[in-house]
Amino acid sequence: MLTDPSHGQIRLFVNTMSNDIASGKPMNLSGDFTDARALRAPNAIWGALRARGISMIQTDQPLRLVQYLRSADRTSAADP
């Protein structure tokens, strides 16, 4: 979570969903930071978003995101 000196804590949100739920058509809400790419390279997408201070990720792949987050947290906790 980021901190803004004038307002306190700030939560940043990104929607990584690749396709519109109703139409199934591709969306481009977050540039190259999409679920489709995250499934192939989770650290390059979800990891990069976290590194930039994103604290909320809307995804069509919640189980895969949770698995990635748990794995990434275990890895970072093991690093000295």
C-alpha atoms as a PDB file:
ATOM      1  CA  MET A   1       0.000   0.000   0.000  1.00  0.00           C
ATOM      2  CA  LEU A   2       1.290   3.448  -0.868  1.00  0.00           C
ATOM      3  CA  THR A   3       1.146   6.467   1.382  1.00  0.00           C
ATOM      4  CA  ASP A   4       0.231   9.953   0.218  1.00  0.00           C
ATOM      5  CA  PRO A   5       1.568  12.561   2.662  1.00  0.00           C
ATOM      6  CA  SER A   6      -1.559  14.686   2.337  1.00  0.00           C
ATOM      7  CA  HIS A   7      -4.171  11.910   2.459  1.00  0.00           C
ATOM      8  CA  GLY A   8      -2.685   8.830   4.145  1.00  0.00           C
ATOM      9  CA  GLN A   9      -2.808   5.346   2.675  1.00  0.00           C
ATOM     10  CA  ILE A  10      -3.761   4.771  -0.951  1.00  0.00           C
ATOM     11  CA  ARG A  11      -4.943   1.543  -2.587  1.00  0.00           C
ATOM     12  CA  LEU A  12      -4.288   1.156  -6.298  1.00  0.00           C
ATOM     13  CA  PHE A  13      -6.573  -1.029  -8.444  1.00  0.00           C
ATOM     14  CA  VAL A  14      -5.940  -2.710 -11.812  1.00  0.00           C
ATOM     15  CA  ASN A  15      -8.329  -4.839 -13.860  1.00  0.00           C
ATOM     16  CA  THR A  16      -6.321  -7.560 -15.639  1.00  0.00           C
ATOM     17  CA  MET A  17      -9.357  -9.328 -17.104  1.00  0.00           C
ATOM     18  CA  SER A  18      -8.703 -10.228 -20.735  1.00  0.00           C
ATOM     19  CA  ASN A  19     -12.280 -10.561 -22.024  1.00  0.00           C
ATOM     20  CA  ASP A  20     -15.571  -8.787 -21.396  1.00  0.00           C
ATOM     21  CA  ILE A  21     -17.871 -11.040 -19.352  1.00  0.00           C
ATOM     22  CA  ALA A  22     -21.045 -10.269 -21.328  1.00  0.00           C
ATOM     23  CA  SER A  23     -19.720 -10.234 -24.888  1.00  0.00           C
ATOM     24  CA  GLY A  24     -16.568 -12.327 -24.599  1.00  0.00           C
ATOM     25  CA  LYS A  25     -14.758  -9.674 -26.634  1.00  0.00           C
ATOM     26  CA  PRO A  26     -11.182  -8.750 -25.733  1.00  0.00           C
ATOM     27  CA  MET A  27     -10.738  -5.756 -23.447  1.00  0.00           C
ATOM     28  CA  ASN A  28      -7.678  -3.573 -23.132  1.00  0.00           C
ATOM     29  CA  LEU A  29      -8.134  -2.080 -19.685  1.00  0.00           C
ATOM     30  CA  SER A  30      -4.566  -2.501 -18.463  1.00  0.00           C
ATOM     31  CA  GLY A  31      -2.391  -2.546 -21.557  1.00  0.00           C
ATOM     32  CA  ASP A  32      -0.230  -5.659 -21.651  1.00  0.00           C
ATOM     33  CA  PHE A  33      -1.033  -6.526 -18.023  1.00  0.00           C
ATOM     34  CA  THR A  34      -3.715  -9.136 -18.775  1.00  0.00           C
ATOM     35  CA  ASP A  35      -4.797 -12.455 -17.296  1.00  0.00           C
ATOM     36  CA  ALA A  36      -3.884 -14.203 -20.539  1.00  0.00           C
ATOM     37  CA  ARG A  37      -0.275 -13.049 -20.203  1.00  0.00           C
ATOM     38  CA  ALA A  38      -0.234 -13.619 -16.440  1.00  0.00           C
ATOM     39  CA  LEU A  39      -1.082 -17.284 -16.937  1.00  0.00           C
ATOM     40  CA  ARG A  40       2.077 -17.647 -19.037  1.00  0.00           C
ATOM     41  CA  ALA A  41       4.321 -15.355 -16.982  1.00  0.00           C
ATOM     42  CA  PRO A  42       2.758 -14.517 -13.606  1.00  0.00           C
ATOM     43  CA  ASN A  43       5.809 -12.756 -12.207  1.00  0.00           C
ATOM     44  CA  ALA A  44       6.089 -10.527 -15.276  1.00  0.00           C
ATOM     45  CA  ILE A  45       2.460  -9.429 -14.905  1.00  0.00           C
ATOM     46  CA  TRP A  46       1.148  -9.850 -11.355  1.00  0.00           C
ATOM     47  CA  GLY A  47       4.638  -9.514  -9.873  1.00  0.00           C
ATOM     48  CA  ALA A  48       5.316  -6.327 -11.815  1.00  0.00           C
ATOM     49  CA  LEU A  49       2.000  -4.840 -10.698  1.00  0.00           C
ATOM     50  CA  ARG A  50       2.777  -5.626  -7.052  1.00  0.00           C
ATOM     51  CA  ALA A  51       6.267  -4.147  -7.429  1.00  0.00           C
ATOM     52  CA  ARG A  52       4.659  -0.922  -8.680  1.00  0.00           C
ATOM     53  CA  GLY A  53       2.410  -0.674  -5.616  1.00  0.00           C
ATOM     54  CA  ILE A  54      -0.812  -2.187  -6.971  1.00  0.00           C
ATOM     55  CA  SER A  55      -2.704  -3.577  -3.984  1.00  0.00           C
ATOM     56  CA  MET A  56      -5.927  -4.761  -5.693  1.00  0.00           C
ATOM     57  CA  ILE A  57      -6.126  -6.880  -8.855  1.00  0.00           C
ATOM     58  CA  GLN A  58      -9.436  -7.738 -10.515  1.00  0.00           C
ATOM     59  CA  THR A  59      -8.997 -11.000 -12.402  1.00  0.00           C
ATOM     60  CA  ASP A  60     -10.881 -13.832 -14.070  1.00  0.00           C
ATOM     61  CA  GLN A  61      -8.219 -16.127 -12.598  1.00  0.00           C
ATOM     62  CA  PRO A  62      -8.570 -15.680  -8.817  1.00  0.00           C
ATOM     63  CA  LEU A  63      -7.302 -19.152  -7.887  1.00  0.00           C
ATOM     64  CA  ARG A  64      -4.208 -18.792 -10.061  1.00  0.00           C
ATOM     65  CA  LEU A  65      -3.570 -15.314  -8.654  1.00  0.00           C
ATOM     66  CA  VAL A  66      -3.860 -16.593  -5.073  1.00  0.00           C
ATOM     67  CA  GLN A  67      -1.499 -19.481  -5.891  1.00  0.00           C
ATOM     68  CA  TYR A  68       0.985 -17.030  -7.379  1.00  0.00           C
ATOM     69  CA  LEU A  69       0.738 -14.654  -4.404  1.00  0.00           C
ATOM     70  CA  ARG A  70       1.269 -17.452  -1.887  1.00  0.00           C
ATOM     71  CA  SER A  71       4.235 -18.775  -3.842  1.00  0.00           C
ATOM     72  CA  ALA A  72       5.746 -15.308  -4.274  1.00  0.00           C
ATOM     73  CA  ASP A  73       5.281 -14.524  -0.574  1.00  0.00           C
ATOM     74  CA  ARG A  74       6.977 -17.808   0.430  1.00  0.00           C
ATOM     75  CA  THR A  75       9.858 -17.096  -1.935  1.00  0.00           C
ATOM     76  CA  SER A  76      10.377 -13.550  -0.660  1.00  0.00           C
ATOM     77  CA  ALA A  77      10.164 -14.714   2.972  1.00  0.00           C
ATOM     78  CA  ALA A  78      12.901 -17.282   2.289  1.00  0.00           C
ATOM     79  CA  ASP A  79      15.268 -14.690   0.788  1.00  0.00           C
ATOM     80  CA  PRO A  80      17.717 -13.200   3.314  1.00  0.00           C
END
